Structure formats: C-alpha cells, structure tokens
C-alpha cells in the first residue's frame, strides 16, 4: 500500500481538498452521465496553428502525443468570472454546534461551492475574482487566473469558516452592494452570486433594480439562491415551543412552529415565486441552492452557461 506523503497533504487546506474532490467527482460523473461527450475542456494547452512562433510549443507533450500543442498563458484567459458572496449574519443559519462539510450553514456552503467553482475556473483558464458583501462591500479582489491568486482567494474563503458571533452581526443590503459592484466591474464578466436574498421587504424594488443594473452593463449573471429548504421554506421544526432569533437585528420571538407553519410556508413561496419571475424578466439565471443537496447543483449550471458563452 503506497504511503501518504504528509508534506504534500499539508500543502492543501481542508477547503481546497474538499473542493478538489468535489470537482474530480463531478467530472467523472459528467462523463458517465447523459452528458457523455459534452465538450468540457480542462486543458492548459491549445493546438498549434501553422505560421505562429514555435517558442511556446510543449515538446514533451509532442513526444507523447505526436501532436503540436502550445502552452497557454494568463493573457489567453477565456472568460472573466466574479463570485459574489453575501456574508451577512443571516448566512450563518442554521447555527451548528459543529461546523464542517457535513454540518453546513449557508455561508459554509457558499464558501465550499465557490472553492469548487474556482477549481473549474483554473482548469479552464478563466480569470476569477471574489467579492464579499453584507450591507456594503468588505472585499473586492481583481480577476486573475494564476495559482498564486487562487491561494489568495482560498485564504479569504477560509476566513468565512467561523462560528456565528452575535456581537459581530452584520445586516443585509444586497441592493446597495450590487449597485456598487455593477459600477466597479469594467469588463464584461460572468457574475455568480451566492445569497439567501433576505432583503428587507421595503428594499425589494431596489434589489430588483440592482439585478437589472448588472444586466444593463452587459454582464451575464447567475444567482444561486442559498437556503435550508427543510427549515427556511418548509418550516419543519419539532412540535414544541421555540425561541427564534433574528440574526441581524437580534430581535427575539417565542412561538410554536405549528401555529404559523402554513402561513409562513405560503408567504415564502410567494416571495420565492416573485424572485424567480423578476430574474426571468431580467434574463438572469436563477438557481436554487439547497445546502442539503451538495455541490453538483452548483457546478453543472456553470459549465452549461460557459458553453453558451463560447
């Protein structure tokens, strides 16, 4: 049995290992699925064109394949991608006594999903940047495709993998953040948003205007609506009284779930339907991201969108 190289293992964070495994499993499953033959190129080479310089030909690859390929560099990046993660306090739901890949809250899920997407970006030579926001923008990196940039982004994602601290609660203003982001992205990009979309009801029109602003600036937009379906949509709590806490304002409410389950579920379905209709109106790809269903629900939509853009 081969020995595990501990030095190589330590090179990778838990986030990186999980995301690499998820992507490898996704790619394997893709080729075994009805998508077999689907054109997914994860190469850092391109075919040599007659007449161009031979300086960048990969001669080792030529010796193995008897075909001429040219190494690809950052300036040949195919697509510019920007990941936006809502890190307001509501994204820490559900509060877990233990937090890891088997015990996710919405923010953990978004961080792992983003890391997996970045693995795909790197394989396809796509440039990527990361933006974190709540009521304002906390982080906004440039978009690059280098290994060093990937490590910088992963370190920022790892900072999100912390327990919820009520004393550091952050409110949500998705609309303001998206308007600011739309103004700051100067080159046409694929914008991927992870958010639970718990915007104040008074600001919903502003939210839809902000989404439209991104599309007006010619960006392609994928909105992953992140939620815990069992608790946040179906309200499946045990048959006993609970003390519910607003994680952003600190407001507490004591009630029995059975007393409001039906009304709550109806209101959530209405809100959900309105969001889907508005996204469809603005030609934004709206996708549900239930944190209980794994990362494949995130990876395939990106691949399909990328195929359409090329």
C-alpha atoms as a PDB file:
ATOM      1  CA  UNK A   1       0.000   0.000   0.000  1.00  0.00           C
ATOM      2  CA  UNK A   2       1.534   3.376  -1.013  1.00  0.00           C
ATOM      3  CA  UNK A   3       2.484   5.722   1.790  1.00  0.00           C
ATOM      4  CA  UNK A   4       0.737   9.078   2.121  1.00  0.00           C
ATOM      5  CA  UNK A   5       3.086  11.973   1.523  1.00  0.00           C
ATOM      6  CA  UNK A   6       2.247  14.128   4.557  1.00  0.00           C
ATOM      7  CA  UNK A   7       4.271  17.056   3.258  1.00  0.00           C
ATOM      8  CA  UNK A   8       2.180  17.171   0.074  1.00  0.00           C
ATOM      9  CA  UNK A   9      -1.010  16.758   2.088  1.00  0.00           C
ATOM     10  CA  UNK A  10      -0.162  19.749   4.284  1.00  0.00           C
ATOM     11  CA  UNK A  11       0.121  21.903   1.167  1.00  0.00           C
ATOM     12  CA  UNK A  12      -3.666  21.831   0.865  1.00  0.00           C
ATOM     13  CA  UNK A  13      -6.234  23.298   3.229  1.00  0.00           C
ATOM     14  CA  UNK A  14      -9.361  21.354   4.117  1.00  0.00           C
ATOM     15  CA  UNK A  15     -11.327  23.724   1.872  1.00  0.00           C
ATOM     16  CA  UNK A  16      -9.025  23.027  -1.064  1.00  0.00           C
ATOM     17  CA  UNK A  17      -9.081  19.255  -0.565  1.00  0.00           C
ATOM     18  CA  UNK A  18     -12.875  19.126  -0.374  1.00  0.00           C
ATOM     19  CA  UNK A  19     -13.297  21.343  -3.436  1.00  0.00           C
ATOM     20  CA  UNK A  20     -10.774  19.327  -5.474  1.00  0.00           C
ATOM     21  CA  UNK A  21     -12.541  16.078  -4.568  1.00  0.00           C
ATOM     22  CA  UNK A  22     -15.915  17.561  -5.457  1.00  0.00           C
ATOM     23  CA  UNK A  23     -14.697  18.696  -8.875  1.00  0.00           C
ATOM     24  CA  UNK A  24     -12.966  15.399  -9.673  1.00  0.00           C
ATOM     25  CA  UNK A  25     -16.132  13.515  -8.716  1.00  0.00           C
ATOM     26  CA  UNK A  26     -18.227  15.904 -10.789  1.00  0.00           C
ATOM     27  CA  UNK A  27     -16.060  15.468 -13.876  1.00  0.00           C
ATOM     28  CA  UNK A  28     -16.105  11.676 -13.531  1.00  0.00           C
ATOM     29  CA  UNK A  29     -19.870  11.696 -13.113  1.00  0.00           C
ATOM     30  CA  UNK A  30     -20.288  14.037 -16.078  1.00  0.00           C
ATOM     31  CA  UNK A  31     -18.583  11.596 -18.422  1.00  0.00           C
ATOM     32  CA  UNK A  32     -20.695   8.697 -17.136  1.00  0.00           C
ATOM     33  CA  UNK A  33     -23.966  10.624 -17.353  1.00  0.00           C
ATOM     34  CA  UNK A  34     -26.222  11.530 -20.308  1.00  0.00           C
ATOM     35  CA  UNK A  35     -23.777  14.420 -20.782  1.00  0.00           C
ATOM     36  CA  UNK A  36     -21.140  11.938 -22.025  1.00  0.00           C
ATOM     37  CA  UNK A  37     -19.266  13.568 -24.859  1.00  0.00           C
ATOM     38  CA  UNK A  38     -20.203  17.016 -23.584  1.00  0.00           C
ATOM     39  CA  UNK A  39     -17.422  19.376 -24.657  1.00  0.00           C
ATOM     40  CA  UNK A  40     -15.653  20.223 -21.408  1.00  0.00           C
ATOM     41  CA  UNK A  41     -12.002  21.097 -21.977  1.00  0.00           C
ATOM     42  CA  UNK A  42      -9.837  21.248 -18.887  1.00  0.00           C
ATOM     43  CA  UNK A  43      -6.566  21.794 -20.719  1.00  0.00           C
ATOM     44  CA  UNK A  44      -3.825  24.325 -20.225  1.00  0.00           C
ATOM     45  CA  UNK A  45      -2.793  23.855 -23.861  1.00  0.00           C
ATOM     46  CA  UNK A  46      -4.218  24.721 -27.257  1.00  0.00           C
ATOM     47  CA  UNK A  47      -3.497  23.293 -30.687  1.00  0.00           C
ATOM     48  CA  UNK A  48      -0.566  24.882 -32.513  1.00  0.00           C
ATOM     49  CA  UNK A  49      -1.583  26.993 -35.524  1.00  0.00           C
ATOM     50  CA  UNK A  50       0.589  26.938 -38.659  1.00  0.00           C
ATOM     51  CA  UNK A  51       2.748  30.012 -39.018  1.00  0.00           C
ATOM     52  CA  UNK A  52       2.879  31.088 -35.366  1.00  0.00           C
ATOM     53  CA  UNK A  53       6.010  31.104 -33.230  1.00  0.00           C
ATOM     54  CA  UNK A  54       7.303  27.707 -32.106  1.00  0.00           C
ATOM     55  CA  UNK A  55       8.656  29.231 -28.892  1.00  0.00           C
ATOM     56  CA  UNK A  56       5.786  28.045 -26.706  1.00  0.00           C
ATOM     57  CA  UNK A  57       5.327  24.541 -28.138  1.00  0.00           C
ATOM     58  CA  UNK A  58       5.233  21.864 -25.456  1.00  0.00           C
ATOM     59  CA  UNK A  59       7.796  19.436 -26.874  1.00  0.00           C
ATOM     60  CA  UNK A  60       7.316  16.909 -24.053  1.00  0.00           C
ATOM     61  CA  UNK A  61       3.647  16.661 -24.909  1.00  0.00           C
ATOM     62  CA  UNK A  62       4.585  16.347 -28.602  1.00  0.00           C
ATOM     63  CA  UNK A  63       6.841  13.379 -27.764  1.00  0.00           C
ATOM     64  CA  UNK A  64       3.914  11.619 -26.060  1.00  0.00           C
ATOM     65  CA  UNK A  65       1.125  12.513 -28.493  1.00  0.00           C
ATOM     66  CA  UNK A  66       2.888  13.282 -31.796  1.00  0.00           C
ATOM     67  CA  UNK A  67       0.772  16.437 -31.961  1.00  0.00           C
ATOM     68  CA  UNK A  68       1.801  20.058 -31.571  1.00  0.00           C
ATOM     69  CA  UNK A  69       0.300  21.951 -28.643  1.00  0.00           C
ATOM     70  CA  UNK A  70       1.117  25.443 -27.354  1.00  0.00           C
ATOM     71  CA  UNK A  71       1.178  26.291 -23.653  1.00  0.00           C
ATOM     72  CA  UNK A  72      -1.481  28.793 -22.692  1.00  0.00           C
ATOM     73  CA  UNK A  73      -0.785  31.828 -20.541  1.00  0.00           C
ATOM     74  CA  UNK A  74      -2.842  34.247 -18.463  1.00  0.00           C
ATOM     75  CA  UNK A  75      -3.381  36.695 -21.314  1.00  0.00           C
ATOM     76  CA  UNK A  76      -5.195  33.915 -23.187  1.00  0.00           C
ATOM     77  CA  UNK A  77      -7.830  33.646 -20.459  1.00  0.00           C
ATOM     78  CA  UNK A  78     -11.189  32.630 -21.912  1.00  0.00           C
ATOM     79  CA  UNK A  79     -13.685  34.183 -19.531  1.00  0.00           C
ATOM     80  CA  UNK A  80     -13.714  36.629 -16.652  1.00  0.00           C
ATOM     81  CA  UNK A  81     -15.726  35.426 -13.653  1.00  0.00           C
ATOM     82  CA  UNK A  82     -16.608  37.189 -10.431  1.00  0.00           C
ATOM     83  CA  UNK A  83     -18.001  35.395  -7.392  1.00  0.00           C
ATOM     84  CA  UNK A  84     -20.134  37.475  -5.019  1.00  0.00           C
ATOM     85  CA  UNK A  85     -20.820  36.052  -1.559  1.00  0.00           C
ATOM     86  CA  UNK A  86     -23.336  37.546   0.855  1.00  0.00           C
ATOM     87  CA  UNK A  87     -21.678  37.225   4.282  1.00  0.00           C
ATOM     88  CA  UNK A  88     -24.356  38.971   6.327  1.00  0.00           C
ATOM     89  CA  UNK A  89     -25.365  37.358   9.605  1.00  0.00           C
ATOM     90  CA  UNK A  90     -28.398  35.528   8.188  1.00  0.00           C
ATOM     91  CA  UNK A  91     -25.992  33.442   6.091  1.00  0.00           C
ATOM     92  CA  UNK A  92     -24.749  31.764   9.300  1.00  0.00           C
ATOM     93  CA  UNK A  93     -28.077  29.920   9.564  1.00  0.00           C
ATOM     94  CA  UNK A  94     -28.592  27.209  10.649  1.00  0.00           C
ATOM     95  CA  UNK A  95     -26.390  27.671  13.699  1.00  0.00           C
ATOM     96  CA  UNK A  96     -24.497  24.418  14.202  1.00  0.00           C
ATOM     97  CA  UNK A  97     -22.704  23.121  17.295  1.00  0.00           C
ATOM     98  CA  UNK A  98     -20.168  21.610  14.903  1.00  0.00           C
ATOM     99  CA  UNK A  99     -19.231  23.195  11.586  1.00  0.00           C
ATOM    100  CA  UNK A 100     -17.629  21.189   8.788  1.00  0.00           C
ATOM    101  CA  UNK A 101     -18.553  19.889   5.342  1.00  0.00           C
ATOM    102  CA  UNK A 102     -21.072  17.501   6.899  1.00  0.00           C
ATOM    103  CA  UNK A 103     -22.647  20.223   9.071  1.00  0.00           C
ATOM    104  CA  UNK A 104     -23.109  23.246   6.816  1.00  0.00           C
ATOM    105  CA  UNK A 105     -24.663  26.618   7.266  1.00  0.00           C
ATOM    106  CA  UNK A 106     -25.429  28.818   4.247  1.00  0.00           C
ATOM    107  CA  UNK A 107     -22.139  30.694   4.412  1.00  0.00           C
ATOM    108  CA  UNK A 108     -20.086  27.488   4.718  1.00  0.00           C
ATOM    109  CA  UNK A 109     -21.949  26.060   1.736  1.00  0.00           C
ATOM    110  CA  UNK A 110     -21.276  29.206  -0.303  1.00  0.00           C
ATOM    111  CA  UNK A 111     -17.564  29.141   0.552  1.00  0.00           C
ATOM    112  CA  UNK A 112     -17.177  25.471  -0.416  1.00  0.00           C
ATOM    113  CA  UNK A 113     -19.229  25.962  -3.598  1.00  0.00           C
ATOM    114  CA  UNK A 114     -17.090  28.966  -4.542  1.00  0.00           C
ATOM    115  CA  UNK A 115     -13.894  26.991  -3.957  1.00  0.00           C
ATOM    116  CA  UNK A 116     -15.176  24.210  -6.225  1.00  0.00           C
ATOM    117  CA  UNK A 117     -16.046  26.722  -8.950  1.00  0.00           C
ATOM    118  CA  UNK A 118     -12.571  28.209  -8.674  1.00  0.00           C
ATOM    119  CA  UNK A 119     -11.117  24.751  -9.277  1.00  0.00           C
ATOM    120  CA  UNK A 120     -13.087  24.691 -12.542  1.00  0.00           C
ATOM    121  CA  UNK A 121     -12.057  28.255 -13.427  1.00  0.00           C
ATOM    122  CA  UNK A 122      -8.403  27.296 -13.064  1.00  0.00           C
ATOM    123  CA  UNK A 123      -8.803  24.178 -15.201  1.00  0.00           C
ATOM    124  CA  UNK A 124     -10.423  26.215 -17.961  1.00  0.00           C
ATOM    125  CA  UNK A 125      -8.031  29.159 -17.752  1.00  0.00           C
ATOM    126  CA  UNK A 126     -10.808  31.530 -16.688  1.00  0.00           C
ATOM    127  CA  UNK A 127      -9.893  34.595 -14.647  1.00  0.00           C
ATOM    128  CA  UNK A 128     -11.742  34.950 -11.354  1.00  0.00           C
ATOM    129  CA  UNK A 129     -12.229  37.494  -8.614  1.00  0.00           C
ATOM    130  CA  UNK A 130     -14.019  37.415  -5.263  1.00  0.00           C
ATOM    131  CA  UNK A 131     -16.338  39.993  -3.712  1.00  0.00           C
ATOM    132  CA  UNK A 132     -17.735  39.725  -0.170  1.00  0.00           C
ATOM    133  CA  UNK A 133     -20.636  41.937   0.869  1.00  0.00           C
ATOM    134  CA  UNK A 134     -23.315  42.450   3.512  1.00  0.00           C
ATOM    135  CA  UNK A 135     -24.680  45.998   3.808  1.00  0.00           C
ATOM    136  CA  UNK A 136     -21.566  47.173   1.952  1.00  0.00           C
ATOM    137  CA  UNK A 137     -18.584  45.633   0.166  1.00  0.00           C
ATOM    138  CA  UNK A 138     -15.986  44.135   2.539  1.00  0.00           C
ATOM    139  CA  UNK A 139     -13.637  42.624  -0.043  1.00  0.00           C
ATOM    140  CA  UNK A 140     -13.183  43.065  -3.787  1.00  0.00           C
ATOM    141  CA  UNK A 141     -10.208  41.352  -5.429  1.00  0.00           C
ATOM    142  CA  UNK A 142      -9.032  41.727  -9.019  1.00  0.00           C
ATOM    143  CA  UNK A 143      -9.803  38.947 -11.523  1.00  0.00           C
ATOM    144  CA  UNK A 144      -6.792  36.771 -12.356  1.00  0.00           C
ATOM    145  CA  UNK A 145      -6.139  33.138 -13.233  1.00  0.00           C
ATOM    146  CA  UNK A 146      -2.780  32.368 -11.604  1.00  0.00           C
ATOM    147  CA  UNK A 147      -2.119  29.693  -8.952  1.00  0.00           C
ATOM    148  CA  UNK A 148      -0.920  32.408  -6.555  1.00  0.00           C
ATOM    149  CA  UNK A 149      -4.207  34.297  -6.980  1.00  0.00           C
ATOM    150  CA  UNK A 150      -6.129  31.092  -6.292  1.00  0.00           C
ATOM    151  CA  UNK A 151      -4.321  30.668  -2.983  1.00  0.00           C
ATOM    152  CA  UNK A 152      -5.097  34.270  -2.014  1.00  0.00           C
ATOM    153  CA  UNK A 153      -8.800  33.700  -2.737  1.00  0.00           C
ATOM    154  CA  UNK A 154      -8.831  30.418  -0.809  1.00  0.00           C
ATOM    155  CA  UNK A 155      -7.352  32.148   2.230  1.00  0.00           C
ATOM    156  CA  UNK A 156     -10.172  34.709   2.071  1.00  0.00           C
ATOM    157  CA  UNK A 157     -12.768  31.948   1.761  1.00  0.00           C
ATOM    158  CA  UNK A 158     -11.300  30.139   4.755  1.00  0.00           C
ATOM    159  CA  UNK A 159     -11.852  33.272   6.852  1.00  0.00           C
ATOM    160  CA  UNK A 160     -15.594  32.749   6.325  1.00  0.00           C
ATOM    161  CA  UNK A 161     -15.494  29.344   8.009  1.00  0.00           C
ATOM    162  CA  UNK A 162     -16.070  30.648  11.521  1.00  0.00           C
ATOM    163  CA  UNK A 163     -18.869  30.240  14.085  1.00  0.00           C
ATOM    164  CA  UNK A 164     -21.556  32.912  14.307  1.00  0.00           C
ATOM    165  CA  UNK A 165     -20.763  35.725  16.741  1.00  0.00           C
ATOM    166  CA  UNK A 166     -23.906  37.699  17.733  1.00  0.00           C
ATOM    167  CA  UNK A 167     -21.717  40.614  18.835  1.00  0.00           C
ATOM    168  CA  UNK A 168     -20.424  40.955  15.256  1.00  0.00           C
ATOM    169  CA  UNK A 169     -23.777  40.735  13.489  1.00  0.00           C
ATOM    170  CA  UNK A 170     -23.962  42.270  10.009  1.00  0.00           C
ATOM    171  CA  UNK A 171     -27.181  43.349   8.299  1.00  0.00           C
ATOM    172  CA  UNK A 172     -28.027  42.808   4.638  1.00  0.00           C
ATOM    173  CA  UNK A 173     -28.336  45.403   1.916  1.00  0.00           C
ATOM    174  CA  UNK A 174     -27.963  43.340  -1.232  1.00  0.00           C
ATOM    175  CA  UNK A 175     -29.244  46.151  -3.449  1.00  0.00           C
ATOM    176  CA  UNK A 176     -26.616  48.717  -2.433  1.00  0.00           C
ATOM    177  CA  UNK A 177     -23.811  46.165  -2.736  1.00  0.00           C
ATOM    178  CA  UNK A 178     -24.912  45.005  -6.202  1.00  0.00           C
ATOM    179  CA  UNK A 179     -25.209  48.588  -7.478  1.00  0.00           C
ATOM    180  CA  UNK A 180     -21.674  49.290  -6.279  1.00  0.00           C
ATOM    181  CA  UNK A 181     -20.363  46.082  -7.815  1.00  0.00           C
ATOM    182  CA  UNK A 182     -22.071  46.815 -11.151  1.00  0.00           C
ATOM    183  CA  UNK A 183     -20.280  50.167 -11.264  1.00  0.00           C
ATOM    184  CA  UNK A 184     -16.893  48.639 -10.411  1.00  0.00           C
ATOM    185  CA  UNK A 185     -16.807  45.738 -12.897  1.00  0.00           C
ATOM    186  CA  UNK A 186     -15.499  47.446 -16.020  1.00  0.00           C
ATOM    187  CA  UNK A 187     -15.055  44.428 -18.289  1.00  0.00           C
ATOM    188  CA  UNK A 188     -17.875  42.117 -19.332  1.00  0.00           C
ATOM    189  CA  UNK A 189     -17.948  39.209 -16.894  1.00  0.00           C
ATOM    190  CA  UNK A 190     -19.873  36.214 -15.678  1.00  0.00           C
ATOM    191  CA  UNK A 191     -21.141  37.306 -12.259  1.00  0.00           C
ATOM    192  CA  UNK A 192     -22.047  34.481  -9.863  1.00  0.00           C
ATOM    193  CA  UNK A 193     -23.975  35.483  -6.728  1.00  0.00           C
ATOM    194  CA  UNK A 194     -24.412  33.410  -3.557  1.00  0.00           C
ATOM    195  CA  UNK A 195     -27.052  34.922  -1.273  1.00  0.00           C
ATOM    196  CA  UNK A 196     -30.083  33.914   0.779  1.00  0.00           C
ATOM    197  CA  UNK A 197     -31.759  37.050  -0.648  1.00  0.00           C
ATOM    198  CA  UNK A 198     -33.190  38.019   2.742  1.00  0.00           C
ATOM    199  CA  UNK A 199     -33.515  41.651   1.774  1.00  0.00           C
ATOM    200  CA  UNK A 200     -35.754  43.940   3.811  1.00  0.00           C
ATOM    201  CA  UNK A 201     -39.203  43.889   2.187  1.00  0.00           C
ATOM    202  CA  UNK A 202     -39.124  47.682   1.881  1.00  0.00           C
ATOM    203  CA  UNK A 203     -35.994  47.373  -0.300  1.00  0.00           C
ATOM    204  CA  UNK A 204     -37.224  44.674  -2.698  1.00  0.00           C
ATOM    205  CA  UNK A 205     -37.729  47.110  -5.592  1.00  0.00           C
ATOM    206  CA  UNK A 206     -34.188  48.378  -5.025  1.00  0.00           C
ATOM    207  CA  UNK A 207     -32.947  44.772  -5.134  1.00  0.00           C
ATOM    208  CA  UNK A 208     -34.578  44.101  -8.497  1.00  0.00           C
ATOM    209  CA  UNK A 209     -33.209  47.398  -9.859  1.00  0.00           C
ATOM    210  CA  UNK A 210     -29.731  46.349  -8.737  1.00  0.00           C
ATOM    211  CA  UNK A 211     -30.015  42.988 -10.518  1.00  0.00           C
ATOM    212  CA  UNK A 212     -31.167  44.820 -13.623  1.00  0.00           C
ATOM    213  CA  UNK A 213     -28.163  47.159 -13.281  1.00  0.00           C
ATOM    214  CA  UNK A 214     -25.798  44.191 -13.618  1.00  0.00           C
ATOM    215  CA  UNK A 215     -27.553  43.042 -16.783  1.00  0.00           C
ATOM    216  CA  UNK A 216     -27.668  46.582 -18.183  1.00  0.00           C
ATOM    217  CA  UNK A 217     -23.853  46.621 -18.005  1.00  0.00           C
ATOM    218  CA  UNK A 218     -23.812  43.518 -20.254  1.00  0.00           C
ATOM    219  CA  UNK A 219     -22.723  41.052 -17.563  1.00  0.00           C
ATOM    220  CA  UNK A 220     -24.025  37.509 -17.551  1.00  0.00           C
ATOM    221  CA  UNK A 221     -25.482  36.750 -14.121  1.00  0.00           C
ATOM    222  CA  UNK A 222     -26.110  33.503 -12.244  1.00  0.00           C
ATOM    223  CA  UNK A 223     -27.925  33.900  -8.923  1.00  0.00           C
ATOM    224  CA  UNK A 224     -27.616  30.945  -6.569  1.00  0.00           C
ATOM    225  CA  UNK A 225     -30.397  31.407  -4.016  1.00  0.00           C
ATOM    226  CA  UNK A 226     -28.881  29.678  -0.970  1.00  0.00           C
ATOM    227  CA  UNK A 227     -31.248  28.279   1.646  1.00  0.00           C
ATOM    228  CA  UNK A 228     -32.001  25.421   4.003  1.00  0.00           C
ATOM    229  CA  UNK A 229     -35.200  24.147   2.409  1.00  0.00           C
ATOM    230  CA  UNK A 230     -36.230  21.966   5.334  1.00  0.00           C
ATOM    231  CA  UNK A 231     -36.106  24.780   7.892  1.00  0.00           C
ATOM    232  CA  UNK A 232     -36.434  28.030   5.936  1.00  0.00           C
ATOM    233  CA  UNK A 233     -39.043  27.024   3.364  1.00  0.00           C
ATOM    234  CA  UNK A 234     -40.903  24.053   4.851  1.00  0.00           C
ATOM    235  CA  UNK A 235     -40.508  25.229   8.471  1.00  0.00           C
ATOM    236  CA  UNK A 236     -40.006  21.654   9.656  1.00  0.00           C
ATOM    237  CA  UNK A 237     -39.210  22.240  13.302  1.00  0.00           C
ATOM    238  CA  UNK A 238     -40.118  19.794  16.069  1.00  0.00           C
ATOM    239  CA  UNK A 239     -43.531  20.019  17.705  1.00  0.00           C
ATOM    240  CA  UNK A 240     -42.503  22.196  20.663  1.00  0.00           C
ATOM    241  CA  UNK A 241     -42.100  25.909  21.505  1.00  0.00           C
ATOM    242  CA  UNK A 242     -39.008  27.697  20.135  1.00  0.00           C
ATOM    243  CA  UNK A 243     -37.222  30.975  20.685  1.00  0.00           C
ATOM    244  CA  UNK A 244     -36.438  32.384  17.221  1.00  0.00           C
ATOM    245  CA  UNK A 245     -33.667  34.968  16.873  1.00  0.00           C
ATOM    246  CA  UNK A 246     -33.237  37.475  14.059  1.00  0.00           C
ATOM    247  CA  UNK A 247     -29.509  37.011  13.436  1.00  0.00           C
ATOM    248  CA  UNK A 248     -29.112  40.528  12.031  1.00  0.00           C
ATOM    249  CA  UNK A 249     -31.207  42.686  14.367  1.00  0.00           C
ATOM    250  CA  UNK A 250     -31.124  40.489  17.499  1.00  0.00           C
ATOM    251  CA  UNK A 251     -34.937  40.560  17.801  1.00  0.00           C
ATOM    252  CA  UNK A 252     -36.362  37.509  19.575  1.00  0.00           C
ATOM    253  CA  UNK A 253     -39.717  35.833  19.030  1.00  0.00           C
ATOM    254  CA  UNK A 254     -41.155  32.960  21.066  1.00  0.00           C
ATOM    255  CA  UNK A 255     -43.711  30.780  19.299  1.00  0.00           C
ATOM    256  CA  UNK A 256     -44.830  27.272  18.443  1.00  0.00           C
ATOM    257  CA  UNK A 257     -43.977  26.336  14.803  1.00  0.00           C
ATOM    258  CA  UNK A 258     -47.289  24.544  14.292  1.00  0.00           C
ATOM    259  CA  UNK A 259     -49.161  27.816  14.865  1.00  0.00           C
ATOM    260  CA  UNK A 260     -47.644  29.584  11.856  1.00  0.00           C
ATOM    261  CA  UNK A 261     -46.187  26.843   9.599  1.00  0.00           C
ATOM    262  CA  UNK A 262     -48.869  27.050   6.919  1.00  0.00           C
ATOM    263  CA  UNK A 263     -48.922  30.854   6.742  1.00  0.00           C
ATOM    264  CA  UNK A 264     -45.136  31.030   6.810  1.00  0.00           C
ATOM    265  CA  UNK A 265     -44.719  28.469   4.007  1.00  0.00           C
ATOM    266  CA  UNK A 266     -47.283  30.303   1.867  1.00  0.00           C
ATOM    267  CA  UNK A 267     -45.509  33.644   2.343  1.00  0.00           C
ATOM    268  CA  UNK A 268     -42.126  32.106   1.474  1.00  0.00           C
ATOM    269  CA  UNK A 269     -43.496  30.508  -1.690  1.00  0.00           C
ATOM    270  CA  UNK A 270     -44.925  33.869  -2.769  1.00  0.00           C
ATOM    271  CA  UNK A 271     -41.597  35.626  -2.151  1.00  0.00           C
ATOM    272  CA  UNK A 272     -39.726  32.842  -3.924  1.00  0.00           C
ATOM    273  CA  UNK A 273     -42.020  32.982  -6.966  1.00  0.00           C
ATOM    274  CA  UNK A 274     -41.640  36.763  -7.257  1.00  0.00           C
ATOM    275  CA  UNK A 275     -37.859  36.488  -7.197  1.00  0.00           C
ATOM    276  CA  UNK A 276     -37.877  33.820  -9.917  1.00  0.00           C
ATOM    277  CA  UNK A 277     -40.218  35.870 -12.105  1.00  0.00           C
ATOM    278  CA  UNK A 278     -38.072  39.004 -11.792  1.00  0.00           C
ATOM    279  CA  UNK A 279     -34.891  37.090 -12.620  1.00  0.00           C
ATOM    280  CA  UNK A 280     -36.569  35.587 -15.660  1.00  0.00           C
ATOM    281  CA  UNK A 281     -37.720  39.055 -16.712  1.00  0.00           C
ATOM    282  CA  UNK A 282     -34.150  40.393 -16.488  1.00  0.00           C
ATOM    283  CA  UNK A 283     -32.652  37.267 -18.160  1.00  0.00           C
ATOM    284  CA  UNK A 284     -30.773  36.315 -15.002  1.00  0.00           C
ATOM    285  CA  UNK A 285     -30.168  32.618 -14.401  1.00  0.00           C
ATOM    286  CA  UNK A 286     -31.958  31.919 -11.128  1.00  0.00           C
ATOM    287  CA  UNK A 287     -30.963  28.643  -9.445  1.00  0.00           C
ATOM    288  CA  UNK A 288     -32.000  27.163  -6.137  1.00  0.00           C
ATOM    289  CA  UNK A 289     -29.124  26.048  -3.901  1.00  0.00           C
ATOM    290  CA  UNK A 290     -30.386  23.902  -1.053  1.00  0.00           C
ATOM    291  CA  UNK A 291     -27.463  23.411   1.330  1.00  0.00           C
ATOM    292  CA  UNK A 292     -28.528  19.779   1.890  1.00  0.00           C
ATOM    293  CA  UNK A 293     -28.036  18.780  -1.761  1.00  0.00           C
ATOM    294  CA  UNK A 294     -24.278  19.065  -2.311  1.00  0.00           C
ATOM    295  CA  UNK A 295     -22.060  20.919  -4.775  1.00  0.00           C
ATOM    296  CA  UNK A 296     -23.001  19.303  -8.093  1.00  0.00           C
ATOM    297  CA  UNK A 297     -26.070  21.563  -8.232  1.00  0.00           C
ATOM    298  CA  UNK A 298     -23.589  24.456  -8.473  1.00  0.00           C
ATOM    299  CA  UNK A 299     -21.009  23.074 -10.914  1.00  0.00           C
ATOM    300  CA  UNK A 300     -23.221  21.922 -13.786  1.00  0.00           C
ATOM    301  CA  UNK A 301     -25.030  25.278 -14.280  1.00  0.00           C
ATOM    302  CA  UNK A 302     -21.635  26.999 -14.591  1.00  0.00           C
ATOM    303  CA  UNK A 303     -20.494  24.508 -17.249  1.00  0.00           C
ATOM    304  CA  UNK A 304     -23.762  24.923 -19.182  1.00  0.00           C
ATOM    305  CA  UNK A 305     -23.558  28.722 -19.007  1.00  0.00           C
ATOM    306  CA  UNK A 306     -19.937  28.663 -20.114  1.00  0.00           C
ATOM    307  CA  UNK A 307     -20.806  26.527 -23.132  1.00  0.00           C
ATOM    308  CA  UNK A 308     -23.429  29.091 -24.186  1.00  0.00           C
ATOM    309  CA  UNK A 309     -20.950  31.977 -23.888  1.00  0.00           C
ATOM    310  CA  UNK A 310     -18.411  30.330 -26.190  1.00  0.00           C
END
